[in-house]
Amino acid sequence: MIDFFQSRGFEIIGAVIGLVYLYLEYKADKWLWPVGVLMPLIYIIIFYEGKFYADMGINIYYFFASIYGWIRWKKIENRPTENRISHTPAAYIIPLGMVCALLFALIAFILIRFTDSPVPYGDSFTTAVSIIGMWMLAHKYLEQWWLWFVVNVVSSALYLWKGLYPTAGLFIIYSVISVFGYFRWKKMMMEDGDKIPQIQHIAE
């Protein structure tokens, strides 16, 4: 059983589930969250075996964040004026940047001090940005796609270097889809914006 978890086949299973998750995120489909609960359980094992400890930790965060996102999307799905994609509020940008920087410094310190991670700074960077990106996804902020683009490009390089080829391939696909996802969500946001006045008029 342990050999299976360390096998390339198990990593491929994780990559396939990751593609399903990405497709559902691209569609802004609420079912991305159940898949998002399953996927981290697989990648916790994969990244532990590859000694990507921060990435292993971020998947623990993904697990609980997916539960949060699932509950939040379900709670507001019947509120048309709330359940929509929007720009990240300008007032959030500096605080989110500061939180990201602090997370990067803290995670890098932990990895350097307490683990044998071969890429502590790269691992810390992708983890810190991913934490912010996941929170933005739960709130349907459009700009979360650009954070994922940066994370995916850096992660692809790290996983190629480490020899996690199916995972690297998955993140290369993620990088491309992140761009398309941004423009799809932007289109959906504009279409939702056109519908809101009609909904409000009917409510009146």
N, C-alpha and C. Protein backbone atom coordinates (compact mmCIF):
# COMPACT_ATOMS: atom_id res chain seq x y z
N MET A 1 0.83 -1.21 0.00
CA MET A 1 0.00 0.00 0.00
C MET A 1 0.86 1.26 0.00
N ILE A 2 1.92 1.23 0.81
CA ILE A 2 2.83 2.38 0.87
C ILE A 2 3.49 2.61 -0.48
N ASP A 3 3.85 1.51 -1.17
CA ASP A 3 4.49 1.63 -2.48
C ASP A 3 3.55 2.32 -3.47
N PHE A 4 2.25 2.05 -3.37
CA PHE A 4 1.28 2.68 -4.27
C PHE A 4 1.27 4.19 -4.07
N PHE A 5 1.28 4.63 -2.80
CA PHE A 5 1.27 6.06 -2.52
C PHE A 5 2.53 6.75 -3.02
N GLN A 6 3.61 5.98 -3.17
CA GLN A 6 4.87 6.54 -3.66
C GLN A 6 5.03 6.39 -5.16
N SER A 7 4.03 5.78 -5.82
CA SER A 7 4.15 5.46 -7.23
C SER A 7 3.77 6.62 -8.13
N ARG A 8 4.22 6.53 -9.39
CA ARG A 8 3.85 7.53 -10.39
C ARG A 8 2.36 7.47 -10.68
N GLY A 9 1.77 6.25 -10.56
CA GLY A 9 0.34 6.10 -10.81
C GLY A 9 -0.50 6.91 -9.85
N PHE A 10 -0.10 6.93 -8.58
CA PHE A 10 -0.83 7.71 -7.58
C PHE A 10 -0.73 9.20 -7.89
N GLU A 11 0.43 9.62 -8.36
CA GLU A 11 0.62 11.02 -8.73
C GLU A 11 -0.26 11.38 -9.93
N ILE A 12 -0.39 10.44 -10.89
CA ILE A 12 -1.23 10.67 -12.06
C ILE A 12 -2.69 10.81 -11.65
N ILE A 13 -3.13 10.00 -10.69
CA ILE A 13 -4.50 10.11 -10.17
C ILE A 13 -4.72 11.52 -9.62
N GLY A 14 -3.75 12.01 -8.86
CA GLY A 14 -3.84 13.36 -8.31
C GLY A 14 -3.93 14.41 -9.41
N ALA A 15 -3.15 14.21 -10.49
CA ALA A 15 -3.15 15.16 -11.60
C ALA A 15 -4.51 15.17 -12.31
N VAL A 16 -5.10 14.00 -12.48
CA VAL A 16 -6.42 13.92 -13.14
C VAL A 16 -7.48 14.62 -12.31
N ILE A 17 -7.47 14.38 -11.00
CA ILE A 17 -8.43 15.05 -10.11
C ILE A 17 -8.18 16.56 -10.14
N GLY A 18 -6.92 16.96 -10.23
CA GLY A 18 -6.59 18.37 -10.32
C GLY A 18 -7.15 19.02 -11.57
N LEU A 19 -7.15 18.28 -12.68
CA LEU A 19 -7.72 18.81 -13.93
C LEU A 19 -9.23 18.98 -13.82
N VAL A 20 -9.87 18.03 -13.14
CA VAL A 20 -11.31 18.14 -12.92
C VAL A 20 -11.60 19.39 -12.08
N TYR A 21 -10.81 19.58 -11.05
CA TYR A 21 -10.96 20.75 -10.18
C TYR A 21 -10.80 22.05 -10.99
N LEU A 22 -9.77 22.08 -11.84
CA LEU A 22 -9.50 23.28 -12.63
C LEU A 22 -10.65 23.58 -13.59
N TYR A 23 -11.20 22.53 -14.21
CA TYR A 23 -12.33 22.72 -15.13
C TYR A 23 -13.52 23.31 -14.39
N LEU A 24 -13.80 22.79 -13.20
CA LEU A 24 -14.93 23.29 -12.43
C LEU A 24 -14.70 24.72 -11.96
N GLU A 25 -13.45 25.05 -11.62
CA GLU A 25 -13.13 26.43 -11.23
C GLU A 25 -13.30 27.36 -12.42
N TYR A 26 -12.84 26.91 -13.59
CA TYR A 26 -12.98 27.69 -14.82
C TYR A 26 -14.44 28.02 -15.09
N LYS A 27 -15.33 27.05 -14.81
CA LYS A 27 -16.76 27.23 -15.04
C LYS A 27 -17.44 27.95 -13.88
N ALA A 28 -16.69 28.24 -12.82
CA ALA A 28 -17.25 28.83 -11.60
C ALA A 28 -18.37 27.95 -11.07
N ASP A 29 -18.15 26.65 -11.14
CA ASP A 29 -19.15 25.66 -10.71
C ASP A 29 -18.94 25.33 -9.24
N LYS A 30 -20.01 25.31 -8.47
CA LYS A 30 -19.91 25.08 -7.03
C LYS A 30 -19.34 23.70 -6.70
N TRP A 31 -19.41 22.76 -7.67
CA TRP A 31 -18.90 21.41 -7.40
C TRP A 31 -17.38 21.37 -7.36
N LEU A 32 -16.72 22.49 -7.64
CA LEU A 32 -15.27 22.52 -7.49
C LEU A 32 -14.87 22.28 -6.04
N TRP A 33 -15.75 22.66 -5.11
CA TRP A 33 -15.40 22.55 -3.69
C TRP A 33 -15.36 21.12 -3.18
N PRO A 34 -16.33 20.24 -3.53
CA PRO A 34 -16.17 18.83 -3.11
C PRO A 34 -14.90 18.19 -3.66
N VAL A 35 -14.60 18.51 -4.94
CA VAL A 35 -13.36 18.00 -5.52
C VAL A 35 -12.16 18.61 -4.80
N GLY A 36 -12.31 19.88 -4.40
CA GLY A 36 -11.26 20.57 -3.66
C GLY A 36 -11.02 20.00 -2.28
N VAL A 37 -12.00 19.30 -1.74
CA VAL A 37 -11.82 18.62 -0.46
C VAL A 37 -11.02 17.33 -0.66
N LEU A 38 -11.29 16.63 -1.77
CA LEU A 38 -10.60 15.36 -2.04
C LEU A 38 -9.16 15.56 -2.49
N MET A 39 -8.92 16.50 -3.39
CA MET A 39 -7.60 16.67 -4.00
C MET A 39 -6.48 16.90 -2.98
N PRO A 40 -6.67 17.75 -1.97
CA PRO A 40 -5.57 17.97 -1.02
C PRO A 40 -5.14 16.71 -0.28
N LEU A 41 -6.06 15.80 -0.03
CA LEU A 41 -5.70 14.57 0.69
C LEU A 41 -4.66 13.78 -0.10
N ILE A 42 -4.79 13.80 -1.43
CA ILE A 42 -3.83 13.10 -2.28
C ILE A 42 -2.49 13.83 -2.31
N TYR A 43 -2.56 15.15 -2.44
CA TYR A 43 -1.32 15.91 -2.58
C TYR A 43 -0.56 16.08 -1.27
N ILE A 44 -1.21 15.91 -0.15
CA ILE A 44 -0.48 15.90 1.12
C ILE A 44 0.53 14.76 1.10
N ILE A 45 0.11 13.61 0.59
CA ILE A 45 1.01 12.45 0.51
C ILE A 45 2.10 12.66 -0.54
N ILE A 46 1.70 13.15 -1.71
CA ILE A 46 2.66 13.36 -2.80
C ILE A 46 3.76 14.33 -2.39
N PHE A 47 3.37 15.44 -1.79
CA PHE A 47 4.36 16.46 -1.43
C PHE A 47 5.20 16.04 -0.22
N TYR A 48 4.63 15.24 0.65
CA TYR A 48 5.43 14.71 1.76
C TYR A 48 6.55 13.82 1.22
N GLU A 49 6.21 12.97 0.28
CA GLU A 49 7.21 12.08 -0.32
C GLU A 49 8.27 12.87 -1.08
N GLY A 50 7.86 14.00 -1.69
CA GLY A 50 8.81 14.81 -2.46
C GLY A 50 9.55 15.84 -1.63
N LYS A 51 9.26 15.89 -0.33
CA LYS A 51 9.88 16.83 0.62
C LYS A 51 9.53 18.29 0.33
N PHE A 52 8.36 18.49 -0.27
CA PHE A 52 7.84 19.84 -0.44
C PHE A 52 6.92 20.10 0.76
N TYR A 53 7.53 20.41 1.89
CA TYR A 53 6.77 20.45 3.14
C TYR A 53 5.78 21.61 3.21
N ALA A 54 6.16 22.76 2.66
CA ALA A 54 5.22 23.87 2.67
C ALA A 54 4.03 23.57 1.77
N ASP A 55 4.29 22.94 0.63
CA ASP A 55 3.20 22.55 -0.26
C ASP A 55 2.32 21.49 0.41
N MET A 56 2.92 20.63 1.20
CA MET A 56 2.13 19.67 1.96
C MET A 56 1.24 20.42 2.95
N GLY A 57 1.82 21.41 3.63
CA GLY A 57 1.06 22.19 4.59
C GLY A 57 -0.06 22.98 3.94
N ILE A 58 0.22 23.54 2.75
CA ILE A 58 -0.80 24.33 2.07
C ILE A 58 -1.98 23.47 1.67
N ASN A 59 -1.73 22.19 1.42
CA ASN A 59 -2.84 21.31 1.07
C ASN A 59 -3.71 20.97 2.27
N ILE A 60 -3.13 21.01 3.46
CA ILE A 60 -3.96 20.90 4.66
C ILE A 60 -4.87 22.11 4.75
N TYR A 61 -4.29 23.29 4.45
CA TYR A 61 -5.08 24.52 4.41
C TYR A 61 -6.16 24.44 3.33
N TYR A 62 -5.78 23.92 2.13
CA TYR A 62 -6.74 23.79 1.04
C TYR A 62 -7.94 22.94 1.46
N PHE A 63 -7.66 21.89 2.22
CA PHE A 63 -8.73 20.99 2.66
C PHE A 63 -9.79 21.76 3.44
N PHE A 64 -9.34 22.51 4.44
CA PHE A 64 -10.29 23.25 5.27
C PHE A 64 -10.85 24.47 4.53
N ALA A 65 -10.03 25.10 3.68
CA ALA A 65 -10.51 26.24 2.91
C ALA A 65 -11.58 25.82 1.91
N SER A 66 -11.46 24.60 1.37
CA SER A 66 -12.47 24.10 0.44
C SER A 66 -13.80 23.87 1.15
N ILE A 67 -13.73 23.40 2.38
CA ILE A 67 -14.96 23.24 3.16
C ILE A 67 -15.60 24.61 3.40
N TYR A 68 -14.77 25.60 3.73
CA TYR A 68 -15.26 26.96 3.95
C TYR A 68 -15.88 27.53 2.67
N GLY A 69 -15.16 27.36 1.54
CA GLY A 69 -15.66 27.86 0.26
C GLY A 69 -16.96 27.20 -0.15
N TRP A 70 -17.05 25.91 0.08
CA TRP A 70 -18.25 25.14 -0.24
C TRP A 70 -19.45 25.69 0.55
N ILE A 71 -19.25 25.89 1.83
CA ILE A 71 -20.33 26.41 2.68
C ILE A 71 -20.71 27.82 2.26
N ARG A 72 -19.69 28.65 1.96
CA ARG A 72 -19.97 30.04 1.61
C ARG A 72 -20.71 30.15 0.29
N TRP A 73 -20.26 29.41 -0.73
CA TRP A 73 -20.93 29.47 -2.04
C TRP A 73 -22.36 28.95 -1.94
N LYS A 74 -22.54 27.89 -1.17
CA LYS A 74 -23.87 27.30 -1.03
C LYS A 74 -24.80 28.25 -0.28
N LYS A 75 -24.25 28.96 0.69
CA LYS A 75 -25.06 29.87 1.50
C LYS A 75 -25.60 31.03 0.68
N ILE A 76 -24.81 31.50 -0.29
CA ILE A 76 -25.22 32.69 -1.04
C ILE A 76 -25.74 32.38 -2.44
N GLU A 77 -25.84 31.09 -2.82
CA GLU A 77 -26.21 30.77 -4.19
C GLU A 77 -27.61 31.24 -4.56
N ASN A 78 -28.48 31.45 -3.57
CA ASN A 78 -29.83 31.91 -3.84
C ASN A 78 -29.99 33.42 -3.64
N ARG A 79 -28.86 34.11 -3.54
CA ARG A 79 -28.89 35.56 -3.41
C ARG A 79 -28.24 36.16 -4.65
N PRO A 80 -29.01 36.43 -5.70
CA PRO A 80 -28.44 36.86 -6.99
C PRO A 80 -27.52 38.07 -6.91
N THR A 81 -27.81 39.00 -6.02
CA THR A 81 -26.98 40.21 -5.97
C THR A 81 -25.68 39.98 -5.21
N GLU A 82 -25.55 38.86 -4.53
CA GLU A 82 -24.33 38.56 -3.78
C GLU A 82 -23.50 37.47 -4.45
N ASN A 83 -24.18 36.51 -5.05
CA ASN A 83 -23.49 35.35 -5.62
C ASN A 83 -22.93 35.68 -6.99
N ARG A 84 -21.96 36.59 -7.05
CA ARG A 84 -21.40 37.00 -8.33
C ARG A 84 -19.91 37.31 -8.19
N ILE A 85 -19.25 37.27 -9.32
CA ILE A 85 -17.83 37.57 -9.38
C ILE A 85 -17.64 39.08 -9.31
N SER A 86 -16.59 39.51 -8.63
CA SER A 86 -16.33 40.94 -8.52
C SER A 86 -14.83 41.20 -8.47
N HIS A 87 -14.45 42.46 -8.64
CA HIS A 87 -13.04 42.85 -8.49
C HIS A 87 -12.67 42.83 -7.01
N THR A 88 -11.41 42.57 -6.74
CA THR A 88 -10.91 42.66 -5.37
C THR A 88 -10.99 44.12 -4.91
N PRO A 89 -11.63 44.39 -3.78
CA PRO A 89 -11.72 45.78 -3.30
C PRO A 89 -10.34 46.40 -3.15
N ALA A 90 -10.20 47.63 -3.61
CA ALA A 90 -8.90 48.31 -3.57
C ALA A 90 -8.35 48.39 -2.15
N ALA A 91 -9.23 48.51 -1.17
CA ALA A 91 -8.80 48.61 0.23
C ALA A 91 -8.17 47.32 0.73
N TYR A 92 -8.38 46.21 0.02
CA TYR A 92 -7.83 44.92 0.45
C TYR A 92 -6.43 44.67 -0.08
N ILE A 93 -6.03 45.39 -1.11
CA ILE A 93 -4.80 45.05 -1.83
C ILE A 93 -3.56 45.15 -0.93
N ILE A 94 -3.37 46.28 -0.25
CA ILE A 94 -2.20 46.44 0.61
C ILE A 94 -2.22 45.45 1.79
N PRO A 95 -3.35 45.31 2.51
CA PRO A 95 -3.38 44.32 3.60
C PRO A 95 -3.08 42.90 3.12
N LEU A 96 -3.62 42.52 1.96
CA LEU A 96 -3.36 41.18 1.44
C LEU A 96 -1.88 41.02 1.07
N GLY A 97 -1.29 42.08 0.51
CA GLY A 97 0.14 42.03 0.19
C GLY A 97 1.00 41.89 1.43
N MET A 98 0.61 42.58 2.49
CA MET A 98 1.37 42.50 3.75
C MET A 98 1.23 41.11 4.38
N VAL A 99 0.03 40.57 4.36
CA VAL A 99 -0.19 39.23 4.90
C VAL A 99 0.62 38.21 4.12
N CYS A 100 0.65 38.35 2.80
CA CYS A 100 1.41 37.44 1.95
C CYS A 100 2.90 37.50 2.28
N ALA A 101 3.43 38.71 2.47
CA ALA A 101 4.85 38.87 2.79
C ALA A 101 5.18 38.26 4.15
N LEU A 102 4.31 38.46 5.11
CA LEU A 102 4.54 37.89 6.44
C LEU A 102 4.48 36.36 6.40
N LEU A 103 3.53 35.83 5.64
CA LEU A 103 3.43 34.38 5.51
C LEU A 103 4.67 33.81 4.85
N PHE A 104 5.16 34.49 3.82
CA PHE A 104 6.37 34.04 3.13
C PHE A 104 7.55 33.98 4.10
N ALA A 105 7.74 35.05 4.87
CA ALA A 105 8.86 35.10 5.81
C ALA A 105 8.75 34.02 6.88
N LEU A 106 7.53 33.83 7.41
CA LEU A 106 7.32 32.84 8.46
C LEU A 106 7.54 31.42 7.95
N ILE A 107 6.97 31.11 6.78
CA ILE A 107 7.10 29.76 6.23
C ILE A 107 8.55 29.47 5.85
N ALA A 108 9.23 30.47 5.28
CA ALA A 108 10.64 30.28 4.91
C ALA A 108 11.48 30.00 6.15
N PHE A 109 11.23 30.74 7.22
CA PHE A 109 11.96 30.53 8.46
C PHE A 109 11.76 29.10 8.98
N ILE A 110 10.51 28.64 8.98
CA ILE A 110 10.20 27.29 9.47
C ILE A 110 10.88 26.23 8.62
N LEU A 111 10.82 26.39 7.30
CA LEU A 111 11.41 25.39 6.41
C LEU A 111 12.93 25.34 6.55
N ILE A 112 13.56 26.49 6.65
CA ILE A 112 15.01 26.53 6.77
C ILE A 112 15.48 26.00 8.13
N ARG A 113 14.72 26.35 9.15
CA ARG A 113 15.12 26.00 10.52
C ARG A 113 14.81 24.56 10.90
N PHE A 114 13.68 24.04 10.41
CA PHE A 114 13.20 22.76 10.94
C PHE A 114 13.03 21.64 9.92
N THR A 115 13.28 21.89 8.63
CA THR A 115 13.10 20.82 7.64
C THR A 115 14.32 20.72 6.74
N ASP A 116 14.28 19.68 5.89
CA ASP A 116 15.34 19.50 4.90
C ASP A 116 14.84 19.85 3.50
N SER A 117 13.92 20.80 3.43
CA SER A 117 13.38 21.23 2.14
C SER A 117 14.51 21.71 1.23
N PRO A 118 14.58 21.20 -0.02
CA PRO A 118 15.64 21.63 -0.95
C PRO A 118 15.37 23.00 -1.57
N VAL A 119 14.13 23.47 -1.49
CA VAL A 119 13.77 24.76 -2.10
C VAL A 119 12.90 25.57 -1.13
N PRO A 120 13.44 25.97 -0.01
CA PRO A 120 12.62 26.63 1.01
C PRO A 120 11.99 27.94 0.56
N TYR A 121 12.73 28.73 -0.23
CA TYR A 121 12.19 30.02 -0.63
C TYR A 121 11.11 29.89 -1.71
N GLY A 122 11.37 29.02 -2.68
CA GLY A 122 10.36 28.78 -3.72
C GLY A 122 9.11 28.16 -3.14
N ASP A 123 9.30 27.20 -2.25
CA ASP A 123 8.18 26.52 -1.59
C ASP A 123 7.39 27.51 -0.74
N SER A 124 8.08 28.38 -0.04
CA SER A 124 7.43 29.38 0.81
C SER A 124 6.65 30.39 -0.02
N PHE A 125 7.24 30.81 -1.14
CA PHE A 125 6.58 31.80 -1.99
C PHE A 125 5.27 31.26 -2.54
N THR A 126 5.30 30.06 -3.13
CA THR A 126 4.07 29.51 -3.71
C THR A 126 3.02 29.24 -2.65
N THR A 127 3.46 28.85 -1.47
CA THR A 127 2.51 28.58 -0.39
C THR A 127 1.84 29.86 0.09
N ALA A 128 2.62 30.90 0.31
CA ALA A 128 2.07 32.17 0.79
C ALA A 128 1.08 32.76 -0.21
N VAL A 129 1.44 32.77 -1.48
CA VAL A 129 0.55 33.32 -2.50
C VAL A 129 -0.70 32.46 -2.64
N SER A 130 -0.55 31.14 -2.50
CA SER A 130 -1.70 30.23 -2.62
C SER A 130 -2.71 30.45 -1.50
N ILE A 131 -2.23 30.75 -0.31
CA ILE A 131 -3.15 31.00 0.81
C ILE A 131 -4.03 32.20 0.49
N ILE A 132 -3.42 33.26 -0.03
CA ILE A 132 -4.18 34.45 -0.40
C ILE A 132 -5.12 34.15 -1.57
N GLY A 133 -4.62 33.40 -2.55
CA GLY A 133 -5.43 33.06 -3.71
C GLY A 133 -6.66 32.25 -3.36
N MET A 134 -6.50 31.31 -2.43
CA MET A 134 -7.63 30.47 -2.03
C MET A 134 -8.70 31.29 -1.34
N TRP A 135 -8.28 32.24 -0.51
CA TRP A 135 -9.24 33.11 0.17
C TRP A 135 -9.99 33.97 -0.85
N MET A 136 -9.25 34.46 -1.85
CA MET A 136 -9.88 35.28 -2.89
C MET A 136 -10.86 34.46 -3.73
N LEU A 137 -10.52 33.20 -3.99
CA LEU A 137 -11.42 32.32 -4.72
C LEU A 137 -12.73 32.12 -3.97
N ALA A 138 -12.63 31.91 -2.66
CA ALA A 138 -13.83 31.70 -1.84
C ALA A 138 -14.75 32.91 -1.89
N HIS A 139 -14.17 34.10 -2.14
CA HIS A 139 -14.97 35.32 -2.22
C HIS A 139 -15.26 35.75 -3.66
N LYS A 140 -14.89 34.89 -4.61
CA LYS A 140 -15.15 35.13 -6.03
C LYS A 140 -14.55 36.44 -6.54
N TYR A 141 -13.33 36.73 -6.12
CA TYR A 141 -12.63 37.91 -6.63
C TYR A 141 -11.89 37.54 -7.93
N LEU A 142 -12.13 38.31 -8.97
CA LEU A 142 -11.59 38.03 -10.29
C LEU A 142 -10.07 37.87 -10.30
N GLU A 143 -9.38 38.72 -9.57
CA GLU A 143 -7.90 38.76 -9.64
C GLU A 143 -7.23 37.54 -9.03
N GLN A 144 -8.01 36.66 -8.41
CA GLN A 144 -7.41 35.44 -7.88
C GLN A 144 -6.73 34.64 -9.00
N TRP A 145 -7.21 34.77 -10.23
CA TRP A 145 -6.61 34.03 -11.35
C TRP A 145 -5.16 34.44 -11.60
N TRP A 146 -4.83 35.71 -11.42
CA TRP A 146 -3.45 36.13 -11.66
C TRP A 146 -2.51 35.59 -10.59
N LEU A 147 -3.01 35.49 -9.37
CA LEU A 147 -2.19 34.88 -8.31
C LEU A 147 -1.91 33.42 -8.64
N TRP A 148 -2.95 32.72 -9.11
CA TRP A 148 -2.75 31.31 -9.45
C TRP A 148 -1.81 31.16 -10.64
N PHE A 149 -1.84 32.11 -11.57
CA PHE A 149 -0.92 32.04 -12.71
C PHE A 149 0.53 32.08 -12.22
N VAL A 150 0.83 33.01 -11.32
CA VAL A 150 2.19 33.12 -10.78
C VAL A 150 2.57 31.86 -10.01
N VAL A 151 1.67 31.40 -9.16
CA VAL A 151 1.92 30.17 -8.38
C VAL A 151 2.18 28.99 -9.30
N ASN A 152 1.36 28.84 -10.33
CA ASN A 152 1.47 27.69 -11.21
C ASN A 152 2.75 27.69 -12.02
N VAL A 153 3.18 28.86 -12.50
CA VAL A 153 4.43 28.94 -13.27
C VAL A 153 5.62 28.56 -12.39
N VAL A 154 5.68 29.15 -11.20
CA VAL A 154 6.79 28.85 -10.28
C VAL A 154 6.75 27.39 -9.85
N SER A 155 5.57 26.88 -9.54
CA SER A 155 5.43 25.50 -9.11
C SER A 155 5.84 24.52 -10.20
N SER A 156 5.49 24.82 -11.44
CA SER A 156 5.88 23.95 -12.56
C SER A 156 7.39 23.77 -12.61
N ALA A 157 8.11 24.87 -12.46
CA ALA A 157 9.57 24.81 -12.50
C ALA A 157 10.12 23.98 -11.33
N LEU A 158 9.54 24.18 -10.15
CA LEU A 158 10.01 23.45 -8.97
C LEU A 158 9.77 21.95 -9.11
N TYR A 159 8.60 21.57 -9.61
CA TYR A 159 8.26 20.16 -9.71
C TYR A 159 9.04 19.47 -10.82
N LEU A 160 9.32 20.19 -11.90
CA LEU A 160 10.17 19.64 -12.95
C LEU A 160 11.57 19.37 -12.40
N TRP A 161 12.07 20.32 -11.64
CA TRP A 161 13.41 20.17 -11.04
C TRP A 161 13.45 18.97 -10.09
N LYS A 162 12.35 18.74 -9.38
CA LYS A 162 12.29 17.66 -8.40
C LYS A 162 11.96 16.31 -9.04
N GLY A 163 11.52 16.31 -10.29
CA GLY A 163 11.20 15.06 -10.97
C GLY A 163 9.76 14.61 -10.80
N LEU A 164 8.90 15.49 -10.31
CA LEU A 164 7.48 15.17 -10.18
C LEU A 164 6.79 15.55 -11.50
N TYR A 165 7.04 14.75 -12.53
CA TYR A 165 6.65 15.14 -13.88
C TYR A 165 5.15 15.23 -14.12
N PRO A 166 4.32 14.26 -13.67
CA PRO A 166 2.87 14.43 -13.85
C PRO A 166 2.33 15.68 -13.15
N THR A 167 2.86 15.95 -11.94
CA THR A 167 2.43 17.14 -11.21
C THR A 167 2.90 18.40 -11.91
N ALA A 168 4.13 18.38 -12.43
CA ALA A 168 4.64 19.54 -13.17
C ALA A 168 3.80 19.79 -14.42
N GLY A 169 3.44 18.69 -15.12
CA GLY A 169 2.60 18.82 -16.30
C GLY A 169 1.25 19.42 -15.96
N LEU A 170 0.68 18.99 -14.82
CA LEU A 170 -0.60 19.52 -14.36
C LEU A 170 -0.49 21.03 -14.13
N PHE A 171 0.58 21.47 -13.50
CA PHE A 171 0.73 22.89 -13.18
C PHE A 171 1.05 23.73 -14.41
N ILE A 172 1.65 23.13 -15.43
CA ILE A 172 1.84 23.84 -16.69
C ILE A 172 0.48 24.10 -17.33
N ILE A 173 -0.39 23.10 -17.30
CA ILE A 173 -1.75 23.27 -17.81
C ILE A 173 -2.49 24.31 -16.98
N TYR A 174 -2.30 24.25 -15.66
CA TYR A 174 -2.91 25.24 -14.77
C TYR A 174 -2.50 26.66 -15.19
N SER A 175 -1.23 26.82 -15.54
CA SER A 175 -0.72 28.15 -15.89
C SER A 175 -1.45 28.72 -17.10
N VAL A 176 -1.66 27.87 -18.10
CA VAL A 176 -2.35 28.30 -19.31
C VAL A 176 -3.82 28.59 -19.02
N ILE A 177 -4.47 27.67 -18.31
CA ILE A 177 -5.89 27.83 -18.03
C ILE A 177 -6.15 29.02 -17.12
N SER A 178 -5.16 29.39 -16.30
CA SER A 178 -5.34 30.56 -15.43
C SER A 178 -5.63 31.82 -16.24
N VAL A 179 -4.96 31.93 -17.39
CA VAL A 179 -5.18 33.09 -18.25
C VAL A 179 -6.58 33.05 -18.84
N PHE A 180 -6.96 31.88 -19.38
CA PHE A 180 -8.30 31.74 -19.94
C PHE A 180 -9.37 31.90 -18.86
N GLY A 181 -9.07 31.39 -17.67
CA GLY A 181 -10.02 31.49 -16.57
C GLY A 181 -10.29 32.94 -16.19
N TYR A 182 -9.24 33.75 -16.21
CA TYR A 182 -9.41 35.17 -15.90
C TYR A 182 -10.40 35.82 -16.86
N PHE A 183 -10.20 35.61 -18.15
CA PHE A 183 -11.06 36.26 -19.14
C PHE A 183 -12.48 35.69 -19.14
N ARG A 184 -12.61 34.39 -18.83
CA ARG A 184 -13.96 33.83 -18.72
C ARG A 184 -14.69 34.43 -17.53
N TRP A 185 -14.01 34.49 -16.38
CA TRP A 185 -14.65 35.07 -15.18
C TRP A 185 -14.96 36.55 -15.41
N LYS A 186 -14.09 37.24 -16.13
CA LYS A 186 -14.34 38.66 -16.40
C LYS A 186 -15.61 38.83 -17.24
N LYS A 187 -15.76 37.94 -18.23
CA LYS A 187 -16.97 37.97 -19.06
C LYS A 187 -18.21 37.67 -18.23
N MET A 188 -18.10 36.66 -17.36
CA MET A 188 -19.22 36.30 -16.50
C MET A 188 -19.56 37.44 -15.55
N MET A 189 -18.54 38.13 -15.05
CA MET A 189 -18.77 39.26 -14.15
C MET A 189 -19.53 40.38 -14.85
N MET A 190 -19.14 40.65 -16.10
CA MET A 190 -19.82 41.70 -16.85
C MET A 190 -21.26 41.31 -17.16
N GLU A 191 -21.49 40.02 -17.47
CA GLU A 191 -22.84 39.56 -17.75
C GLU A 191 -23.70 39.63 -16.49
N ASP A 192 -23.11 39.27 -15.35
CA ASP A 192 -23.84 39.36 -14.07
C ASP A 192 -24.20 40.80 -13.76
N GLY A 193 -23.27 41.71 -14.08
CA GLY A 193 -23.51 43.12 -13.82
C GLY A 193 -24.69 43.65 -14.61
N ASP A 194 -24.88 43.12 -15.83
CA ASP A 194 -26.01 43.54 -16.66
C ASP A 194 -27.33 43.01 -16.11
N LYS A 195 -27.27 41.86 -15.40
CA LYS A 195 -28.49 41.24 -14.90
C LYS A 195 -28.98 41.86 -13.60
N ILE A 196 -28.06 42.40 -12.81
CA ILE A 196 -28.42 42.90 -11.48
C ILE A 196 -29.52 43.95 -11.51
N PRO A 197 -29.44 44.98 -12.38
CA PRO A 197 -30.52 45.97 -12.41
C PRO A 197 -31.88 45.36 -12.72
N GLN A 198 -31.89 44.33 -13.59
CA GLN A 198 -33.15 43.66 -13.94
C GLN A 198 -33.70 42.93 -12.72
N ILE A 199 -32.84 42.26 -11.98
CA ILE A 199 -33.26 41.53 -10.78
C ILE A 199 -33.81 42.49 -9.74
N GLN A 200 -33.12 43.61 -9.54
CA GLN A 200 -33.56 44.58 -8.56
C GLN A 200 -34.91 45.18 -8.96
N HIS A 201 -35.10 45.41 -10.28
CA HIS A 201 -36.35 45.98 -10.76
C HIS A 201 -37.51 45.01 -10.51
N ILE A 202 -37.25 43.71 -10.75
CA ILE A 202 -38.30 42.72 -10.50
C ILE A 202 -38.65 42.66 -9.02
N ALA A 203 -37.61 42.74 -8.18
CA ALA A 203 -37.83 42.68 -6.73
C ALA A 203 -38.68 43.84 -6.24
N GLU A 204 -38.51 44.99 -6.90
CA GLU A 204 -39.29 46.16 -6.52
C GLU A 204 -40.75 46.03 -6.94
